[in-house]
Amino acid sequence: MNHKFFPHTNEEVRQMLERIGFNDLEMLYSEIPEEIRFTGEYDIPNAMSELEIRSFFDKLGKKNNMLTCFAGGGVYDHYTPSAVPNLVSRSEFLTSYTPYQAEISQGTLHYIFEFQSMMAELTGMDIANASMYEGTTATAEAMMVAFDNSKKADTILYSAALNENIIA
């Protein structure tokens, strides 16, 4: 009965059997018909490293048939880099809300400033906002900034890939 994947020693099994009034496992299993009992050896493969396990399950997962998923409101198959849990565990990265007590939250305010500066540089705009509550508000704010930044425009264009729930 001893096997590295079975947690109990022979002595522990004996004590458990004794506690419930049986002398051995055969006596415990006697009510199970012989023809449905497993009597062979357990074919448990050798141990694998984490990398081997990931590779194994990746290959296994590729055998699945992918179906269209309508749940999730636009949040589908995405990759989360391993750095993300480390970043979000830091309080200055945890929330998008601007802190009320600037003297306590200089680190948060500094990274918001850096983010806004980089976004303004990337977009070529004079300003960029960084403290939005969720996707719909952020999209509306971005559209308003784009519209206000262009003195002549009377129409806002957006990608067809934008989730319709966000622009509704």
Foldseek 3Di string as FASTA:
>chain_A
DDDPVDPDDPVRQCVVCVVVPHRDVCRVCVVPDPVPDDDDDDPDDDDDDPVVVVVVVVVVVVPDDDDDDPPDLLDDDDDDDPCVVVQCVDVLRVALADDPDCVVNVVNVVVQVVVFVVVCVVVVHPTDHRRDDDQLRNVVVVQVSVVVRDPPDPDDDDDPSPRPVSVD
